[in-house]
């Protein structure tokens, strides 16, 4: 008989509770680690530049019906 796999360490958080824990961890890291502040700022700026570029691209190049191959993939 093979041994049963051990369960992974889990806190059992889901949904909103997990989101609040993630926000709290980021806030604690931002307060306590100065190098993390710079990394976080650079990451947010890169994300905003990419999001702005994608929004501008899709505003200037809208998707047309002929561009979409399979309009009803489930056949509904």
C-alpha atoms as a PDB file:
ATOM      1  CA  UNK A   1       0.000   0.000   0.000  1.00  0.00           C
ATOM      2  CA  UNK A   2       1.249   3.432  -0.836  1.00  0.00           C
ATOM      3  CA  UNK A   3       1.085   6.115   1.837  1.00  0.00           C
ATOM      4  CA  UNK A   4      -1.668   8.660   1.481  1.00  0.00           C
ATOM      5  CA  UNK A   5      -0.514  12.079   0.301  1.00  0.00           C
ATOM      6  CA  UNK A   6      -0.345  14.635   3.055  1.00  0.00           C
ATOM      7  CA  UNK A   7      -2.605  17.637   2.645  1.00  0.00           C
ATOM      8  CA  UNK A   8      -0.906  20.887   1.823  1.00  0.00           C
ATOM      9  CA  UNK A   9      -0.768  23.636   4.390  1.00  0.00           C
ATOM     10  CA  UNK A  10      -3.957  25.597   3.913  1.00  0.00           C
ATOM     11  CA  UNK A  11      -5.514  28.437   5.821  1.00  0.00           C
ATOM     12  CA  UNK A  12      -8.926  27.740   4.329  1.00  0.00           C
ATOM     13  CA  UNK A  13      -9.554  31.303   3.211  1.00  0.00           C
ATOM     14  CA  UNK A  14     -11.725  31.921   0.196  1.00  0.00           C
ATOM     15  CA  UNK A  15     -13.248  34.873  -1.580  1.00  0.00           C
ATOM     16  CA  UNK A  16     -13.327  38.177   0.252  1.00  0.00           C
ATOM     17  CA  UNK A  17     -11.384  36.918   3.274  1.00  0.00           C
ATOM     18  CA  UNK A  18      -8.467  35.838   1.081  1.00  0.00           C
ATOM     19  CA  UNK A  19      -8.530  39.191  -0.716  1.00  0.00           C
ATOM     20  CA  UNK A  20      -8.408  41.059   2.605  1.00  0.00           C
ATOM     21  CA  UNK A  21      -5.484  38.928   3.780  1.00  0.00           C
ATOM     22  CA  UNK A  22      -3.616  39.622   0.522  1.00  0.00           C
ATOM     23  CA  UNK A  23      -4.219  43.378   0.864  1.00  0.00           C
ATOM     24  CA  UNK A  24      -3.066  43.274   4.486  1.00  0.00           C
ATOM     25  CA  UNK A  25       0.135  41.419   3.552  1.00  0.00           C
ATOM     26  CA  UNK A  26       0.937  43.946   0.815  1.00  0.00           C
ATOM     27  CA  UNK A  27       0.227  46.853   3.193  1.00  0.00           C
ATOM     28  CA  UNK A  28       2.498  45.372   5.886  1.00  0.00           C
ATOM     29  CA  UNK A  29       5.286  44.815   3.357  1.00  0.00           C
ATOM     30  CA  UNK A  30       4.926  48.367   2.024  1.00  0.00           C
ATOM     31  CA  UNK A  31       5.184  49.789   5.529  1.00  0.00           C
ATOM     32  CA  UNK A  32       8.055  47.657   6.792  1.00  0.00           C
ATOM     33  CA  UNK A  33      10.322  47.155   3.758  1.00  0.00           C
ATOM     34  CA  UNK A  34      11.559  50.272   1.937  1.00  0.00           C
ATOM     35  CA  UNK A  35      12.895  48.293  -1.048  1.00  0.00           C
ATOM     36  CA  UNK A  36       9.471  46.724  -1.516  1.00  0.00           C
ATOM     37  CA  UNK A  37       7.950  50.203  -1.903  1.00  0.00           C
ATOM     38  CA  UNK A  38      10.130  50.931  -4.916  1.00  0.00           C
ATOM     39  CA  UNK A  39       9.440  47.523  -6.463  1.00  0.00           C
ATOM     40  CA  UNK A  40       5.684  47.940  -5.883  1.00  0.00           C
ATOM     41  CA  UNK A  41       5.688  51.458  -7.365  1.00  0.00           C
ATOM     42  CA  UNK A  42       7.570  50.331 -10.483  1.00  0.00           C
ATOM     43  CA  UNK A  43       5.240  47.321 -10.888  1.00  0.00           C
ATOM     44  CA  UNK A  44       2.116  49.474 -10.596  1.00  0.00           C
ATOM     45  CA  UNK A  45       3.483  52.002 -13.102  1.00  0.00           C
ATOM     46  CA  UNK A  46       4.336  49.261 -15.610  1.00  0.00           C
ATOM     47  CA  UNK A  47       0.855  47.777 -15.167  1.00  0.00           C
ATOM     48  CA  UNK A  48      -0.808  51.155 -15.715  1.00  0.00           C
ATOM     49  CA  UNK A  49       1.241  51.826 -18.862  1.00  0.00           C
ATOM     50  CA  UNK A  50       0.341  48.415 -20.312  1.00  0.00           C
ATOM     51  CA  UNK A  51      -3.352  48.798 -19.385  1.00  0.00           C
ATOM     52  CA  UNK A  52      -3.442  52.266 -20.940  1.00  0.00           C
ATOM     53  CA  UNK A  53      -1.751  51.010 -24.094  1.00  0.00           C
ATOM     54  CA  UNK A  54      -4.228  48.143 -24.437  1.00  0.00           C
ATOM     55  CA  UNK A  55      -7.199  50.457 -23.847  1.00  0.00           C
ATOM     56  CA  UNK A  56      -5.893  52.866 -26.476  1.00  0.00           C
ATOM     57  CA  UNK A  57      -5.264  50.022 -28.931  1.00  0.00           C
ATOM     58  CA  UNK A  58      -8.776  48.620 -28.539  1.00  0.00           C
ATOM     59  CA  UNK A  59     -10.311  52.083 -28.797  1.00  0.00           C
ATOM     60  CA  UNK A  60      -8.531  52.749 -32.102  1.00  0.00           C
ATOM     61  CA  UNK A  61      -8.905  49.177 -33.450  1.00  0.00           C
ATOM     62  CA  UNK A  62     -12.391  47.946 -32.485  1.00  0.00           C
ATOM     63  CA  UNK A  63     -13.226  44.282 -33.004  1.00  0.00           C
ATOM     64  CA  UNK A  64     -15.608  43.669 -35.904  1.00  0.00           C
ATOM     65  CA  UNK A  65     -17.987  40.732 -36.323  1.00  0.00           C
ATOM     66  CA  UNK A  66     -15.951  39.396 -39.232  1.00  0.00           C
ATOM     67  CA  UNK A  67     -12.857  39.250 -36.978  1.00  0.00           C
ATOM     68  CA  UNK A  68     -14.514  36.728 -34.646  1.00  0.00           C
ATOM     69  CA  UNK A  69     -14.366  33.219 -36.105  1.00  0.00           C
ATOM     70  CA  UNK A  70     -16.580  31.199 -33.791  1.00  0.00           C
ATOM     71  CA  UNK A  71     -19.361  33.489 -32.556  1.00  0.00           C
ATOM     72  CA  UNK A  72     -21.264  30.689 -30.810  1.00  0.00           C
ATOM     73  CA  UNK A  73     -18.726  28.157 -29.511  1.00  0.00           C
ATOM     74  CA  UNK A  74     -21.276  26.196 -27.475  1.00  0.00           C
ATOM     75  CA  UNK A  75     -23.907  26.301 -30.191  1.00  0.00           C
ATOM     76  CA  UNK A  76     -26.434  28.019 -27.933  1.00  0.00           C
END
